[in-house]
Amino acid sequence: MLRALIMVSWLAFVAACGDVVNRGDEPDPAPAPEIPPAESETAPAEAAPEPFEPAARPSVRPESARIDWSAARRDLAERPADAETANFGIESGGSAPPVPVLLPTGIVTPQGASQPAYRPLSDGYYANYPGTDYDITVSGTNRVYGAAGDERNTAEMSFERMAAGAQVSLSRYGADYLVEFECKGYPGARGDNCVSEEDAMQIARDLVIAGTR
């Protein structure tokens, strides 16, 4: 019996030693790799852009045109007797508008329409003529942009279609004039074809001087 107990103890001792030896032969586990600290996700602030500065431009201010009053007075004195214009009682001399007043001739106001209107302005004047298919507005100004002494072709006229009609621009005596044709009716009824280019140019060409300083 004693011998059996000694054998059991010896076998247990040998098994324990073998287990220790086996565990000792196993390699140590590899250390975990070091993870570098994460870089900041915030990008460095960019430099503020330079403020935009537009290129310097020369200022353009309106100037008073140089009016050829001698030519205007001469044309008024030589105006044909049949060149009738609306009687607006235009002032003369220093009380007259700062540009020679040009008005259309032969304009007939339709029955029931308001009468032609005229108004002097600090830089010129305007006159309005109600019509059947279109209204006519004639205006003149002594305000020019750029050098007041620039040479301009006073015989040239320019026609342009507009959303509500048409207009003709021209220059005489050093002043600028505009003849506007405003169509009556809604778009599609007469539209901007209520006046032909030929008729508009003829009305502008037939403007006569009705007053001057």
C-alpha atoms as a PDB file:
ATOM      1  CA  MET A   1       0.000   0.000   0.000  1.00  0.00           C
ATOM      2  CA  LEU A   2       2.743   2.421   0.926  1.00  0.00           C
ATOM      3  CA  ARG A   3       4.552   1.539  -2.266  1.00  0.00           C
ATOM      4  CA  ALA A   4       1.470   2.380  -4.319  1.00  0.00           C
ATOM      5  CA  LEU A   5       1.180   5.802  -2.739  1.00  0.00           C
ATOM      6  CA  ILE A   6       4.833   6.555  -3.459  1.00  0.00           C
ATOM      7  CA  MET A   7       4.379   5.623  -7.124  1.00  0.00           C
ATOM      8  CA  VAL A   8       1.329   7.878  -7.476  1.00  0.00           C
ATOM      9  CA  SER A   9       3.211  10.801  -5.918  1.00  0.00           C
ATOM     10  CA  TRP A  10       6.206  10.203  -8.183  1.00  0.00           C
ATOM     11  CA  LEU A  11       4.063  10.174 -11.322  1.00  0.00           C
ATOM     12  CA  ALA A  12       2.311  13.392 -10.284  1.00  0.00           C
ATOM     13  CA  PHE A  13       5.701  15.063  -9.693  1.00  0.00           C
ATOM     14  CA  VAL A  14       7.024  14.013 -13.111  1.00  0.00           C
ATOM     15  CA  ALA A  15       3.861  15.258 -14.873  1.00  0.00           C
ATOM     16  CA  ALA A  16       4.125  18.632 -13.139  1.00  0.00           C
ATOM     17  CA  CYS A  17       7.765  19.034 -14.119  1.00  0.00           C
ATOM     18  CA  GLY A  18       7.022  18.185 -17.723  1.00  0.00           C
ATOM     19  CA  ASP A  19       4.269  20.778 -17.854  1.00  0.00           C
ATOM     20  CA  VAL A  20       6.650  23.420 -16.498  1.00  0.00           C
ATOM     21  CA  VAL A  21       9.294  22.495 -19.064  1.00  0.00           C
ATOM     22  CA  ASN A  22       6.803  22.606 -21.933  1.00  0.00           C
ATOM     23  CA  ARG A  23       5.528  26.046 -20.936  1.00  0.00           C
ATOM     24  CA  GLY A  24       9.053  27.302 -20.627  1.00  0.00           C
ATOM     25  CA  ASP A  25       9.822  26.329 -24.220  1.00  0.00           C
ATOM     26  CA  GLU A  26       7.015  28.454 -25.584  1.00  0.00           C
ATOM     27  CA  PRO A  27       8.184  31.904 -26.884  1.00  0.00           C
ATOM     28  CA  ASP A  28       6.972  34.976 -25.139  1.00  0.00           C
ATOM     29  CA  PRO A  29       4.066  36.655 -26.948  1.00  0.00           C
ATOM     30  CA  ALA A  30       5.142  39.483 -29.267  1.00  0.00           C
ATOM     31  CA  PRO A  31       4.549  42.950 -27.825  1.00  0.00           C
ATOM     32  CA  ALA A  32       1.658  44.879 -29.333  1.00  0.00           C
ATOM     33  CA  PRO A  33       2.826  47.377 -32.010  1.00  0.00           C
ATOM     34  CA  GLU A  34       2.912  50.931 -30.877  1.00  0.00           C
ATOM     35  CA  ILE A  35       0.248  53.099 -32.560  1.00  0.00           C
ATOM     36  CA  PRO A  36       1.533  56.582 -33.334  1.00  0.00           C
ATOM     37  CA  PRO A  37      -0.654  59.384 -32.028  1.00  0.00           C
ATOM     38  CA  ALA A  38      -3.233  60.495 -34.583  1.00  0.00           C
ATOM     39  CA  GLU A  39      -2.414  63.729 -36.361  1.00  0.00           C
ATOM     40  CA  SER A  40      -4.781  66.604 -35.864  1.00  0.00           C
ATOM     41  CA  GLU A  41      -7.583  66.532 -38.421  1.00  0.00           C
ATOM     42  CA  THR A  42      -7.796  70.303 -38.402  1.00  0.00           C
ATOM     43  CA  ALA A  43      -5.900  71.729 -41.376  1.00  0.00           C
ATOM     44  CA  PRO A  44      -3.766  74.770 -40.701  1.00  0.00           C
ATOM     45  CA  ALA A  45      -5.687  77.988 -41.296  1.00  0.00           C
ATOM     46  CA  GLU A  46      -5.077  79.465 -44.744  1.00  0.00           C
ATOM     47  CA  ALA A  47      -4.014  83.040 -45.104  1.00  0.00           C
ATOM     48  CA  ALA A  48      -6.906  85.421 -45.804  1.00  0.00           C
ATOM     49  CA  PRO A  49      -7.086  86.433 -49.498  1.00  0.00           C
ATOM     50  CA  GLU A  50      -5.991  89.876 -50.444  1.00  0.00           C
ATOM     51  CA  PRO A  51      -8.943  92.299 -50.659  1.00  0.00           C
ATOM     52  CA  PHE A  52     -10.074  92.941 -54.246  1.00  0.00           C
ATOM     53  CA  GLU A  53      -9.348  96.433 -55.423  1.00  0.00           C
ATOM     54  CA  PRO A  54     -10.807  97.341 -58.823  1.00  0.00           C
ATOM     55  CA  ALA A  55      -8.581  99.177 -61.201  1.00  0.00           C
ATOM     56  CA  ALA A  56      -8.917 102.892 -60.963  1.00  0.00           C
ATOM     57  CA  ARG A  57     -11.064 104.360 -63.729  1.00  0.00           C
ATOM     58  CA  PRO A  58     -11.222 107.956 -64.761  1.00  0.00           C
ATOM     59  CA  SER A  59     -14.405 109.563 -63.534  1.00  0.00           C
ATOM     60  CA  VAL A  60     -16.762 110.707 -66.264  1.00  0.00           C
ATOM     61  CA  ARG A  61     -18.852 113.700 -65.378  1.00  0.00           C
ATOM     62  CA  PRO A  62     -21.441 115.372 -67.555  1.00  0.00           C
ATOM     63  CA  GLU A  63     -20.499 118.746 -68.945  1.00  0.00           C
ATOM     64  CA  SER A  64     -22.496 121.462 -70.622  1.00  0.00           C
ATOM     65  CA  ALA A  65     -22.405 121.305 -74.412  1.00  0.00           C
ATOM     66  CA  ARG A  66     -21.180 124.261 -76.411  1.00  0.00           C
ATOM     67  CA  ILE A  67     -24.295 125.469 -78.176  1.00  0.00           C
ATOM     68  CA  ASP A  68     -24.075 127.269 -81.505  1.00  0.00           C
ATOM     69  CA  TRP A  69     -26.676 129.929 -80.664  1.00  0.00           C
ATOM     70  CA  SER A  70     -25.845 131.998 -83.742  1.00  0.00           C
ATOM     71  CA  ALA A  71     -26.788 129.115 -86.049  1.00  0.00           C
ATOM     72  CA  ALA A  72     -29.952 128.471 -84.046  1.00  0.00           C
ATOM     73  CA  ARG A  73     -31.089 132.107 -84.261  1.00  0.00           C
ATOM     74  CA  ARG A  74     -30.335 132.168 -87.965  1.00  0.00           C
ATOM     75  CA  ASP A  75     -32.409 129.029 -88.595  1.00  0.00           C
ATOM     76  CA  LEU A  76     -35.278 130.399 -86.522  1.00  0.00           C
ATOM     77  CA  ALA A  77     -35.315 133.603 -88.564  1.00  0.00           C
ATOM     78  CA  GLU A  78     -35.264 131.602 -91.829  1.00  0.00           C
ATOM     79  CA  ARG A  79     -37.851 129.032 -90.805  1.00  0.00           C
ATOM     80  CA  PRO A  80     -40.514 128.528 -93.519  1.00  0.00           C
ATOM     81  CA  ALA A  81     -43.902 130.040 -92.755  1.00  0.00           C
ATOM     82  CA  ASP A  82     -45.678 126.709 -93.287  1.00  0.00           C
ATOM     83  CA  ALA A  83     -43.540 124.921 -90.691  1.00  0.00           C
ATOM     84  CA  GLU A  84     -46.210 125.046 -88.007  1.00  0.00           C
ATOM     85  CA  THR A  85     -45.509 123.691 -84.545  1.00  0.00           C
ATOM     86  CA  ALA A  86     -47.587 123.557 -81.386  1.00  0.00           C
ATOM     87  CA  ASN A  87     -47.988 126.967 -79.777  1.00  0.00           C
ATOM     88  CA  PHE A  88     -46.294 126.446 -76.436  1.00  0.00           C
ATOM     89  CA  GLY A  89     -45.367 130.082 -75.804  1.00  0.00           C
ATOM     90  CA  ILE A  90     -41.665 129.222 -75.555  1.00  0.00           C
ATOM     91  CA  GLU A  91     -39.617 131.852 -73.755  1.00  0.00           C
ATOM     92  CA  SER A  92     -36.760 133.617 -75.537  1.00  0.00           C
ATOM     93  CA  GLY A  93     -33.513 135.206 -74.414  1.00  0.00           C
ATOM     94  CA  GLY A  94     -32.139 134.245 -71.021  1.00  0.00           C
ATOM     95  CA  SER A  95     -35.471 132.697 -69.960  1.00  0.00           C
ATOM     96  CA  ALA A  96     -35.391 130.169 -72.801  1.00  0.00           C
ATOM     97  CA  PRO A  97     -34.239 126.569 -72.220  1.00  0.00           C
ATOM     98  CA  PRO A  98     -30.449 126.020 -72.357  1.00  0.00           C
ATOM     99  CA  VAL A  99     -30.801 124.339 -75.776  1.00  0.00           C
ATOM    100  CA  PRO A 100     -32.590 125.378 -78.986  1.00  0.00           C
ATOM    101  CA  VAL A 101     -36.112 123.925 -78.900  1.00  0.00           C
ATOM    102  CA  LEU A 102     -36.850 121.517 -81.773  1.00  0.00           C
ATOM    103  CA  LEU A 103     -40.434 120.346 -82.330  1.00  0.00           C
ATOM    104  CA  PRO A 104     -42.174 118.156 -84.921  1.00  0.00           C
ATOM    105  CA  THR A 105     -44.474 119.640 -87.539  1.00  0.00           C
ATOM    106  CA  GLY A 106     -47.794 118.433 -88.893  1.00  0.00           C
ATOM    107  CA  ILE A 107     -48.668 116.367 -85.794  1.00  0.00           C
ATOM    108  CA  VAL A 108     -52.442 115.955 -85.484  1.00  0.00           C
ATOM    109  CA  THR A 109     -53.850 115.230 -82.043  1.00  0.00           C
ATOM    110  CA  PRO A 110     -56.711 112.686 -82.223  1.00  0.00           C
ATOM    111  CA  GLN A 111     -60.130 113.795 -81.007  1.00  0.00           C
ATOM    112  CA  GLY A 112     -60.647 113.180 -77.331  1.00  0.00           C
ATOM    113  CA  ALA A 113     -56.933 112.865 -76.581  1.00  0.00           C
ATOM    114  CA  SER A 114     -55.094 115.152 -74.195  1.00  0.00           C
ATOM    115  CA  GLN A 115     -53.375 118.180 -75.695  1.00  0.00           C
ATOM    116  CA  PRO A 116     -49.638 118.298 -76.427  1.00  0.00           C
ATOM    117  CA  ALA A 117     -47.563 119.240 -73.401  1.00  0.00           C
ATOM    118  CA  TYR A 118     -44.274 121.103 -73.104  1.00  0.00           C
ATOM    119  CA  ARG A 119     -41.969 121.632 -70.141  1.00  0.00           C
ATOM    120  CA  PRO A 120     -38.612 123.440 -69.901  1.00  0.00           C
ATOM    121  CA  LEU A 121     -35.965 121.733 -67.773  1.00  0.00           C
ATOM    122  CA  SER A 122     -32.736 122.832 -66.134  1.00  0.00           C
ATOM    123  CA  ASP A 123     -30.708 121.029 -68.820  1.00  0.00           C
ATOM    124  CA  GLY A 124     -33.153 121.241 -71.738  1.00  0.00           C
ATOM    125  CA  TYR A 125     -36.833 120.529 -72.364  1.00  0.00           C
ATOM    126  CA  TYR A 126     -39.330 117.882 -73.372  1.00  0.00           C
ATOM    127  CA  ALA A 127     -42.577 117.958 -75.366  1.00  0.00           C
ATOM    128  CA  ASN A 128     -45.212 115.228 -75.591  1.00  0.00           C
ATOM    129  CA  TYR A 129     -47.698 114.623 -78.412  1.00  0.00           C
ATOM    130  CA  PRO A 130     -50.498 112.052 -77.856  1.00  0.00           C
ATOM    131  CA  GLY A 131     -51.365 110.031 -80.957  1.00  0.00           C
ATOM    132  CA  THR A 132     -53.600 107.230 -82.174  1.00  0.00           C
ATOM    133  CA  ASP A 133     -51.082 104.412 -82.654  1.00  0.00           C
ATOM    134  CA  TYR A 134     -48.277 105.936 -80.628  1.00  0.00           C
ATOM    135  CA  ASP A 135     -47.307 108.960 -78.534  1.00  0.00           C
ATOM    136  CA  ILE A 136     -44.330 111.097 -79.515  1.00  0.00           C
ATOM    137  CA  THR A 137     -41.960 112.659 -76.997  1.00  0.00           C
ATOM    138  CA  VAL A 138     -39.241 115.045 -78.118  1.00  0.00           C
ATOM    139  CA  SER A 139     -36.531 116.031 -75.656  1.00  0.00           C
ATOM    140  CA  GLY A 140     -33.296 117.988 -75.836  1.00  0.00           C
ATOM    141  CA  THR A 141     -30.405 118.304 -73.413  1.00  0.00           C
ATOM    142  CA  ASN A 142     -27.146 120.198 -73.150  1.00  0.00           C
ATOM    143  CA  ARG A 143     -25.536 117.511 -70.967  1.00  0.00           C
ATOM    144  CA  VAL A 144     -22.738 115.581 -72.669  1.00  0.00           C
ATOM    145  CA  TYR A 145     -20.253 113.022 -71.320  1.00  0.00           C
ATOM    146  CA  GLY A 146     -16.607 113.499 -72.128  1.00  0.00           C
ATOM    147  CA  ALA A 147     -14.990 116.555 -73.571  1.00  0.00           C
ATOM    148  CA  ALA A 148     -17.559 119.256 -74.287  1.00  0.00           C
ATOM    149  CA  GLY A 149     -15.584 120.395 -77.314  1.00  0.00           C
ATOM    150  CA  ASP A 150     -15.593 117.034 -79.099  1.00  0.00           C
ATOM    151  CA  GLU A 151     -16.525 117.176 -82.755  1.00  0.00           C
ATOM    152  CA  ARG A 152     -19.824 115.409 -83.442  1.00  0.00           C
ATOM    153  CA  ASN A 153     -21.568 114.658 -86.704  1.00  0.00           C
ATOM    154  CA  THR A 154     -24.749 116.686 -86.304  1.00  0.00           C
ATOM    155  CA  ALA A 155     -26.234 115.297 -89.521  1.00  0.00           C
ATOM    156  CA  GLU A 156     -26.211 111.693 -88.317  1.00  0.00           C
ATOM    157  CA  MET A 157     -29.365 110.165 -86.826  1.00  0.00           C
ATOM    158  CA  SER A 158     -29.669 106.806 -85.099  1.00  0.00           C
ATOM    159  CA  PHE A 159     -32.808 104.621 -85.057  1.00  0.00           C
ATOM    160  CA  GLU A 160     -33.367 101.973 -82.373  1.00  0.00           C
ATOM    161  CA  ARG A 161     -36.203  99.580 -81.594  1.00  0.00           C
ATOM    162  CA  MET A 162     -37.371  99.610 -77.970  1.00  0.00           C
ATOM    163  CA  ALA A 163     -39.579  97.278 -75.934  1.00  0.00           C
ATOM    164  CA  ALA A 164     -42.449  99.784 -76.041  1.00  0.00           C
ATOM    165  CA  GLY A 165     -41.767 101.309 -79.445  1.00  0.00           C
ATOM    166  CA  ALA A 166     -38.762 103.017 -80.995  1.00  0.00           C
ATOM    167  CA  GLN A 167     -36.541 106.067 -80.722  1.00  0.00           C
ATOM    168  CA  VAL A 168     -34.361 108.282 -82.909  1.00  0.00           C
ATOM    169  CA  SER A 169     -31.354 110.141 -81.496  1.00  0.00           C
ATOM    170  CA  LEU A 170     -29.652 113.092 -83.170  1.00  0.00           C
ATOM    171  CA  SER A 171     -27.510 116.141 -82.480  1.00  0.00           C
ATOM    172  CA  ARG A 172     -27.957 119.731 -83.645  1.00  0.00           C
ATOM    173  CA  TYR A 173     -26.342 122.993 -82.642  1.00  0.00           C
ATOM    174  CA  GLY A 174     -24.130 121.029 -80.215  1.00  0.00           C
ATOM    175  CA  ALA A 175     -27.104 119.693 -78.202  1.00  0.00           C
ATOM    176  CA  ASP A 176     -28.442 116.118 -78.110  1.00  0.00           C
ATOM    177  CA  TYR A 177     -32.059 115.326 -78.973  1.00  0.00           C
ATOM    178  CA  LEU A 178     -34.208 112.228 -78.650  1.00  0.00           C
ATOM    179  CA  VAL A 179     -37.488 111.486 -80.431  1.00  0.00           C
ATOM    180  CA  GLU A 180     -39.350 108.628 -78.726  1.00  0.00           C
ATOM    181  CA  PHE A 181     -42.340 106.697 -80.069  1.00  0.00           C
ATOM    182  CA  GLU A 182     -44.385 104.878 -77.412  1.00  0.00           C
ATOM    183  CA  CYS A 183     -46.800 102.361 -78.903  1.00  0.00           C
ATOM    184  CA  LYS A 184     -50.407 102.186 -77.720  1.00  0.00           C
ATOM    185  CA  GLY A 185     -52.085  98.873 -76.902  1.00  0.00           C
ATOM    186  CA  TYR A 186     -50.812  95.705 -75.271  1.00  0.00           C
ATOM    187  CA  PRO A 187     -47.830  93.652 -76.511  1.00  0.00           C
ATOM    188  CA  GLY A 188     -48.922  91.612 -79.494  1.00  0.00           C
ATOM    189  CA  ALA A 189     -51.604  94.085 -80.549  1.00  0.00           C
ATOM    190  CA  ARG A 190     -49.178  96.584 -82.051  1.00  0.00           C
ATOM    191  CA  GLY A 191     -45.978  95.776 -80.202  1.00  0.00           C
ATOM    192  CA  ASP A 192     -42.894  97.684 -81.284  1.00  0.00           C
ATOM    193  CA  ASN A 193     -44.060  97.751 -84.919  1.00  0.00           C
ATOM    194  CA  CYS A 194     -46.531 100.587 -84.435  1.00  0.00           C
ATOM    195  CA  VAL A 195     -44.108 102.922 -86.232  1.00  0.00           C
ATOM    196  CA  SER A 196     -41.817 102.041 -89.108  1.00  0.00           C
ATOM    197  CA  GLU A 197     -38.190 103.081 -89.191  1.00  0.00           C
ATOM    198  CA  GLU A 198     -38.879 105.182 -92.274  1.00  0.00           C
ATOM    199  CA  ASP A 199     -41.692 107.147 -90.590  1.00  0.00           C
ATOM    200  CA  ALA A 200     -39.737 107.613 -87.370  1.00  0.00           C
ATOM    201  CA  MET A 201     -36.679 108.900 -89.210  1.00  0.00           C
ATOM    202  CA  GLN A 202     -38.794 111.240 -91.306  1.00  0.00           C
ATOM    203  CA  ILE A 203     -40.461 112.782 -88.241  1.00  0.00           C
ATOM    204  CA  ALA A 204     -37.041 113.329 -86.647  1.00  0.00           C
ATOM    205  CA  ARG A 205     -35.654 114.754 -89.879  1.00  0.00           C
ATOM    206  CA  ASP A 206     -38.534 117.253 -90.126  1.00  0.00           C
ATOM    207  CA  LEU A 207     -38.000 118.724 -86.654  1.00  0.00           C
ATOM    208  CA  VAL A 208     -37.917 122.515 -86.849  1.00  0.00           C
ATOM    209  CA  ILE A 209     -36.601 125.084 -84.445  1.00  0.00           C
ATOM    210  CA  ALA A 210     -39.354 126.669 -82.396  1.00  0.00           C
ATOM    211  CA  GLY A 211     -37.375 128.711 -79.853  1.00  0.00           C
ATOM    212  CA  THR A 212     -33.866 129.786 -78.928  1.00  0.00           C
ATOM    213  CA  ARG A 213     -31.915 132.210 -76.808  1.00  0.00           C
END
